[in-house]
Amino acid sequence: ISQEWNKIVGTKLSSRCAPEKLSSNGTLYLRAANGPVKQELSFIKKKIISRISRLDGCTFVKDIKIT
């Protein structure tokens, strides 16, 4: 996921947020630079999960938490 992050969220967002960890229950934790980035990520959570699920072997992300 980290290696493909630029493709998953786009160049603009990838410089302002990053995946931090993936829990055993399928929750991906993202670190965001600030409040507006958190809000933008929350609007596209489903799209991010969909794009991750298209990566080879990455069907385990079920939810996203933004910090």
PDB file of N, CA and C in Angstrom:
ATOM      1  N   ILE A   1       0.838  -1.191   0.000  1.00  0.00           N
ATOM      2  CA  ILE A   1       0.000   0.000   0.000  1.00  0.00           C
ATOM      3  C   ILE A   1       0.876   1.246   0.000  1.00  0.00           C
ATOM      4  N   SER A   2       1.913   1.240   0.815  1.00  0.00           N
ATOM      5  CA  SER A   2       2.810   2.402   0.880  1.00  0.00           C
ATOM      6  C   SER A   2       3.488   2.662  -0.455  1.00  0.00           C
ATOM      7  N   GLN A   3       3.885   1.587  -1.132  1.00  0.00           N
ATOM      8  CA  GLN A   3       4.569   1.738  -2.411  1.00  0.00           C
ATOM      9  C   GLN A   3       3.654   2.302  -3.487  1.00  0.00           C
ATOM     10  N   GLU A   4       2.370   2.051  -3.392  1.00  0.00           N
ATOM     11  CA  GLU A   4       1.402   2.497  -4.394  1.00  0.00           C
ATOM     12  C   GLU A   4       0.590   3.711  -3.940  1.00  0.00           C
ATOM     13  N   TRP A   5       0.949   4.305  -2.813  1.00  0.00           N
ATOM     14  CA  TRP A   5       0.151   5.367  -2.213  1.00  0.00           C
ATOM     15  C   TRP A   5      -0.117   6.521  -3.177  1.00  0.00           C
ATOM     16  N   ASN A   6       0.882   6.917  -3.938  1.00  0.00           N
ATOM     17  CA  ASN A   6       0.734   8.004  -4.901  1.00  0.00           C
ATOM     18  C   ASN A   6      -0.371   7.689  -5.916  1.00  0.00           C
ATOM     19  N   LYS A   7      -0.448   6.454  -6.359  1.00  0.00           N
ATOM     20  CA  LYS A   7      -1.479   6.045  -7.320  1.00  0.00           C
ATOM     21  C   LYS A   7      -2.846   5.922  -6.657  1.00  0.00           C
ATOM     22  N   ILE A   8      -2.870   5.550  -5.396  1.00  0.00           N
ATOM     23  CA  ILE A   8      -4.134   5.337  -4.692  1.00  0.00           C
ATOM     24  C   ILE A   8      -4.857   6.656  -4.428  1.00  0.00           C
ATOM     25  N   VAL A   9      -4.148   7.653  -3.910  1.00  0.00           N
ATOM     26  CA  VAL A   9      -4.807   8.916  -3.546  1.00  0.00           C
ATOM     27  C   VAL A   9      -4.453  10.084  -4.461  1.00  0.00           C
ATOM     28  N   GLY A  10      -3.479   9.907  -5.333  1.00  0.00           N
ATOM     29  CA  GLY A  10      -3.072  10.986  -6.228  1.00  0.00           C
ATOM     30  C   GLY A  10      -1.890  11.765  -5.669  1.00  0.00           C
ATOM     31  N   THR A  11      -1.190  12.427  -6.556  1.00  0.00           N
ATOM     32  CA  THR A  11       0.034  13.143  -6.199  1.00  0.00           C
ATOM     33  C   THR A  11      -0.207  14.242  -5.170  1.00  0.00           C
ATOM     34  N   LYS A  12      -1.249  15.015  -5.362  1.00  0.00           N
ATOM     35  CA  LYS A  12      -1.532  16.146  -4.469  1.00  0.00           C
ATOM     36  C   LYS A  12      -1.756  15.681  -3.026  1.00  0.00           C
ATOM     37  N   LEU A  13      -2.597  14.684  -2.852  1.00  0.00           N
ATOM     38  CA  LEU A  13      -2.902  14.194  -1.503  1.00  0.00           C
ATOM     39  C   LEU A  13      -1.775  13.357  -0.911  1.00  0.00           C
ATOM     40  N   SER A  14      -1.073  12.620  -1.739  1.00  0.00           N
ATOM     41  CA  SER A  14      -0.045  11.712  -1.209  1.00  0.00           C
ATOM     42  C   SER A  14       1.081  12.447  -0.495  1.00  0.00           C
ATOM     43  N   SER A  15       1.275  13.707  -0.838  1.00  0.00           N
ATOM     44  CA  SER A  15       2.314  14.486  -0.153  1.00  0.00           C
ATOM     45  C   SER A  15       1.831  15.034   1.191  1.00  0.00           C
ATOM     46  N   ARG A  16       0.520  14.905   1.475  1.00  0.00           N
ATOM     47  CA  ARG A  16      -0.042  15.464   2.707  1.00  0.00           C
ATOM     48  C   ARG A  16      -0.659  14.426   3.639  1.00  0.00           C
ATOM     49  N   CYS A  17      -0.513  13.149   3.258  1.00  0.00           N
ATOM     50  CA  CYS A  17      -1.020  12.075   4.108  1.00  0.00           C
ATOM     51  C   CYS A  17      -0.255  10.798   3.794  1.00  0.00           C
ATOM     52  N   ALA A  18      -0.331   9.841   4.719  1.00  0.00           N
ATOM     53  CA  ALA A  18       0.395   8.588   4.513  1.00  0.00           C
ATOM     54  C   ALA A  18      -0.227   7.477   5.344  1.00  0.00           C
ATOM     55  N   PRO A  19      -0.153   6.246   4.858  1.00  0.00           N
ATOM     56  CA  PRO A  19      -0.600   5.119   5.669  1.00  0.00           C
ATOM     57  C   PRO A  19       0.372   4.893   6.820  1.00  0.00           C
ATOM     58  N   GLU A  20      -0.175   4.653   8.019  1.00  0.00           N
ATOM     59  CA  GLU A  20       0.668   4.428   9.202  1.00  0.00           C
ATOM     60  C   GLU A  20       0.730   2.968   9.596  1.00  0.00           C
ATOM     61  N   LYS A  21      -0.445   2.340   9.697  1.00  0.00           N
ATOM     62  CA  LYS A  21      -0.463   0.929  10.091  1.00  0.00           C
ATOM     63  C   LYS A  21      -1.753   0.291   9.617  1.00  0.00           C
ATOM     64  N   LEU A  22      -1.734  -1.026   9.583  1.00  0.00           N
ATOM     65  CA  LEU A  22      -2.898  -1.816   9.220  1.00  0.00           C
ATOM     66  C   LEU A  22      -3.174  -2.784  10.361  1.00  0.00           C
ATOM     67  N   SER A  23      -4.366  -2.687  10.943  1.00  0.00           N
ATOM     68  CA  SER A  23      -4.700  -3.552  12.073  1.00  0.00           C
ATOM     69  C   SER A  23      -5.126  -4.934  11.586  1.00  0.00           C
ATOM     70  N   SER A  24      -5.158  -5.869  12.493  1.00  0.00           N
ATOM     71  CA  SER A  24      -5.531  -7.246  12.153  1.00  0.00           C
ATOM     72  C   SER A  24      -6.998  -7.374  11.749  1.00  0.00           C
ATOM     73  N   ASN A  25      -7.821  -6.389  12.117  1.00  0.00           N
ATOM     74  CA  ASN A  25      -9.233  -6.435  11.732  1.00  0.00           C
ATOM     75  C   ASN A  25      -9.505  -5.739  10.400  1.00  0.00           C
ATOM     76  N   GLY A  26      -8.457  -5.300   9.690  1.00  0.00           N
ATOM     77  CA  GLY A  26      -8.621  -4.706   8.369  1.00  0.00           C
ATOM     78  C   GLY A  26      -8.782  -3.204   8.358  1.00  0.00           C
ATOM     79  N   THR A  27      -8.466  -2.537   9.455  1.00  0.00           N
ATOM     80  CA  THR A  27      -8.542  -1.078   9.504  1.00  0.00           C
ATOM     81  C   THR A  27      -7.185  -0.489   9.152  1.00  0.00           C
ATOM     82  N   LEU A  28      -7.191   0.383   8.149  1.00  0.00           N
ATOM     83  CA  LEU A  28      -5.981   1.083   7.738  1.00  0.00           C
ATOM     84  C   LEU A  28      -5.976   2.449   8.411  1.00  0.00           C
ATOM     85  N   TYR A  29      -4.908   2.759   9.121  1.00  0.00           N
ATOM     86  CA  TYR A  29      -4.768   4.045   9.797  1.00  0.00           C
ATOM     87  C   TYR A  29      -3.929   4.969   8.933  1.00  0.00           C
ATOM     88  N   LEU A  30      -4.474   6.159   8.676  1.00  0.00           N
ATOM     89  CA  LEU A  30      -3.789   7.156   7.866  1.00  0.00           C
ATOM     90  C   LEU A  30      -3.423   8.351   8.721  1.00  0.00           C
ATOM     91  N   ARG A  31      -2.266   8.908   8.483  1.00  0.00           N
ATOM     92  CA  ARG A  31      -1.827  10.143   9.134  1.00  0.00           C
ATOM     93  C   ARG A  31      -2.035  11.278   8.135  1.00  0.00           C
ATOM     94  N   ALA A  32      -2.761  12.306   8.551  1.00  0.00           N
ATOM     95  CA  ALA A  32      -3.039  13.460   7.694  1.00  0.00           C
ATOM     96  C   ALA A  32      -2.318  14.689   8.226  1.00  0.00           C
ATOM     97  N   ALA A  33      -1.905  15.564   7.326  1.00  0.00           N
ATOM     98  CA  ALA A  33      -1.124  16.746   7.689  1.00  0.00           C
ATOM     99  C   ALA A  33      -1.924  17.756   8.509  1.00  0.00           C
ATOM    100  N   ASN A  34      -3.228  17.866   8.243  1.00  0.00           N
ATOM    101  CA  ASN A  34      -4.036  18.873   8.932  1.00  0.00           C
ATOM    102  C   ASN A  34      -5.529  18.552   8.782  1.00  0.00           C
ATOM    103  N   GLY A  35      -6.357  19.398   9.370  1.00  0.00           N
ATOM    104  CA  GLY A  35      -7.803  19.200   9.353  1.00  0.00           C
ATOM    105  C   GLY A  35      -8.422  19.127   7.968  1.00  0.00           C
ATOM    106  N   PRO A  36      -8.095  20.067   7.077  1.00  0.00           N
ATOM    107  CA  PRO A  36      -8.668  19.998   5.731  1.00  0.00           C
ATOM    108  C   PRO A  36      -8.310  18.705   4.983  1.00  0.00           C
ATOM    109  N   VAL A  37      -7.103  18.211   5.182  1.00  0.00           N
ATOM    110  CA  VAL A  37      -6.704  16.951   4.543  1.00  0.00           C
ATOM    111  C   VAL A  37      -7.502  15.795   5.142  1.00  0.00           C
ATOM    112  N   LYS A  38      -7.706  15.809   6.461  1.00  0.00           N
ATOM    113  CA  LYS A  38      -8.532  14.783   7.113  1.00  0.00           C
ATOM    114  C   LYS A  38      -9.931  14.765   6.505  1.00  0.00           C
ATOM    115  N   GLN A  39     -10.493  15.948   6.323  1.00  0.00           N
ATOM    116  CA  GLN A  39     -11.839  16.045   5.768  1.00  0.00           C
ATOM    117  C   GLN A  39     -11.875  15.524   4.332  1.00  0.00           C
ATOM    118  N   GLU A  40     -10.901  15.906   3.542  1.00  0.00           N
ATOM    119  CA  GLU A  40     -10.837  15.440   2.158  1.00  0.00           C
ATOM    120  C   GLU A  40     -10.731  13.913   2.099  1.00  0.00           C
ATOM    121  N   LEU A  41      -9.888  13.344   2.953  1.00  0.00           N
ATOM    122  CA  LEU A  41      -9.744  11.889   2.996  1.00  0.00           C
ATOM    123  C   LEU A  41     -11.041  11.211   3.424  1.00  0.00           C
ATOM    124  N   SER A  42     -11.741  11.809   4.378  1.00  0.00           N
ATOM    125  CA  SER A  42     -12.993  11.200   4.841  1.00  0.00           C
ATOM    126  C   SER A  42     -14.034  11.158   3.722  1.00  0.00           C
ATOM    127  N   PHE A  43     -14.017  12.147   2.831  1.00  0.00           N
ATOM    128  CA  PHE A  43     -14.950  12.171   1.704  1.00  0.00           C
ATOM    129  C   PHE A  43     -14.662  11.066   0.693  1.00  0.00           C
ATOM    130  N   ILE A  44     -13.411  10.630   0.596  1.00  0.00           N
ATOM    131  CA  ILE A  44     -13.042   9.645  -0.426  1.00  0.00           C
ATOM    132  C   ILE A  44     -12.639   8.288   0.170  1.00  0.00           C
ATOM    133  N   LYS A  45     -13.042   8.020   1.403  1.00  0.00           N
ATOM    134  CA  LYS A  45     -12.682   6.756   2.064  1.00  0.00           C
ATOM    135  C   LYS A  45     -13.064   5.533   1.229  1.00  0.00           C
ATOM    136  N   LYS A  46     -14.285   5.502   0.733  1.00  0.00           N
ATOM    137  CA  LYS A  46     -14.742   4.344  -0.043  1.00  0.00           C
ATOM    138  C   LYS A  46     -13.929   4.187  -1.324  1.00  0.00           C
ATOM    139  N   LYS A  47     -13.588   5.300  -1.946  1.00  0.00           N
ATOM    140  CA  LYS A  47     -12.781   5.257  -3.165  1.00  0.00           C
ATOM    141  C   LYS A  47     -11.381   4.723  -2.864  1.00  0.00           C
ATOM    142  N   ILE A  48     -10.811   5.146  -1.737  1.00  0.00           N
ATOM    143  CA  ILE A  48      -9.481   4.661  -1.341  1.00  0.00           C
ATOM    144  C   ILE A  48      -9.522   3.152  -1.103  1.00  0.00           C
ATOM    145  N   ILE A  49     -10.524   2.678  -0.371  1.00  0.00           N
ATOM    146  CA  ILE A  49     -10.655   1.246  -0.106  1.00  0.00           C
ATOM    147  C   ILE A  49     -10.811   0.475  -1.416  1.00  0.00           C
ATOM    148  N   SER A  50     -11.604   1.004  -2.327  1.00  0.00           N
ATOM    149  CA  SER A  50     -11.799   0.355  -3.623  1.00  0.00           C
ATOM    150  C   SER A  50     -10.496   0.267  -4.407  1.00  0.00           C
ATOM    151  N   ARG A  51      -9.742   1.342  -4.422  1.00  0.00           N
ATOM    152  CA  ARG A  51      -8.471   1.343  -5.153  1.00  0.00           C
ATOM    153  C   ARG A  51      -7.462   0.390  -4.522  1.00  0.00           C
ATOM    154  N   ILE A  52      -7.448   0.329  -3.202  1.00  0.00           N
ATOM    155  CA  ILE A  52      -6.544  -0.604  -2.517  1.00  0.00           C
ATOM    156  C   ILE A  52      -6.934  -2.043  -2.844  1.00  0.00           C
ATOM    157  N   SER A  53      -8.230  -2.328  -2.874  1.00  0.00           N
ATOM    158  CA  SER A  53      -8.680  -3.701  -3.130  1.00  0.00           C
ATOM    159  C   SER A  53      -8.311  -4.176  -4.528  1.00  0.00           C
ATOM    160  N   ARG A  54      -8.059  -3.252  -5.445  1.00  0.00           N
ATOM    161  CA  ARG A  54      -7.639  -3.621  -6.802  1.00  0.00           C
ATOM    162  C   ARG A  54      -6.156  -3.958  -6.885  1.00  0.00           C
ATOM    163  N   LEU A  55      -5.402  -3.611  -5.848  1.00  0.00           N
ATOM    164  CA  LEU A  55      -3.982  -3.966  -5.828  1.00  0.00           C
ATOM    165  C   LEU A  55      -3.850  -5.469  -5.618  1.00  0.00           C
ATOM    166  N   ASP A  56      -2.860  -6.062  -6.202  1.00  0.00           N
ATOM    167  CA  ASP A  56      -2.642  -7.503  -6.091  1.00  0.00           C
ATOM    168  C   ASP A  56      -2.429  -7.915  -4.633  1.00  0.00           C
ATOM    169  N   GLY A  57      -3.329  -8.742  -4.121  1.00  0.00           N
ATOM    170  CA  GLY A  57      -3.189  -9.262  -2.763  1.00  0.00           C
ATOM    171  C   GLY A  57      -3.609  -8.316  -1.652  1.00  0.00           C
ATOM    172  N   CYS A  58      -4.354  -7.270  -1.955  1.00  0.00           N
ATOM    173  CA  CYS A  58      -4.725  -6.270  -0.930  1.00  0.00           C
ATOM    174  C   CYS A  58      -6.235  -6.188  -0.741  1.00  0.00           C
ATOM    175  N   THR A  59      -6.866  -7.316  -0.516  1.00  0.00           N
ATOM    176  CA  THR A  59      -8.322  -7.322  -0.340  1.00  0.00           C
ATOM    177  C   THR A  59      -8.739  -7.264   1.121  1.00  0.00           C
ATOM    178  N   PHE A  60      -7.789  -7.019   2.022  1.00  0.00           N
ATOM    179  CA  PHE A  60      -8.061  -7.112   3.457  1.00  0.00           C
ATOM    180  C   PHE A  60      -8.420  -5.784   4.111  1.00  0.00           C
ATOM    181  N   VAL A  61      -8.321  -4.648   3.413  1.00  0.00           N
ATOM    182  CA  VAL A  61      -8.661  -3.353   4.015  1.00  0.00           C
ATOM    183  C   VAL A  61     -10.176  -3.184   3.977  1.00  0.00           C
ATOM    184  N   LYS A  62     -10.775  -3.054   5.160  1.00  0.00           N
ATOM    185  CA  LYS A  62     -12.230  -2.942   5.283  1.00  0.00           C
ATOM    186  C   LYS A  62     -12.682  -1.562   5.746  1.00  0.00           C
ATOM    187  N   ASP A  63     -11.791  -0.832   6.411  1.00  0.00           N
ATOM    188  CA  ASP A  63     -12.148   0.485   6.949  1.00  0.00           C
ATOM    189  C   ASP A  63     -10.900   1.346   7.015  1.00  0.00           C
ATOM    190  N   ILE A  64     -11.116   2.649   7.121  1.00  0.00           N
ATOM    191  CA  ILE A  64     -10.012   3.607   7.229  1.00  0.00           C
ATOM    192  C   ILE A  64     -10.282   4.537   8.401  1.00  0.00           C
ATOM    193  N   LYS A  65      -9.284   4.735   9.218  1.00  0.00           N
ATOM    194  CA  LYS A  65      -9.320   5.716  10.308  1.00  0.00           C
ATOM    195  C   LYS A  65      -8.253   6.759  10.009  1.00  0.00           C
ATOM    196  N   ILE A  66      -8.618   8.025  10.177  1.00  0.00           N
ATOM    197  CA  ILE A  66      -7.705   9.119   9.842  1.00  0.00           C
ATOM    198  C   ILE A  66      -7.286   9.839  11.113  1.00  0.00           C
ATOM    199  N   THR A  67      -5.976   9.985  11.298  1.00  0.00           N
ATOM    200  CA  THR A  67      -5.461  10.649  12.495  1.00  0.00           C
ATOM    201  C   THR A  67      -4.701  11.899  12.128  1.00  0.00           C
TER     202      THR A  67
END
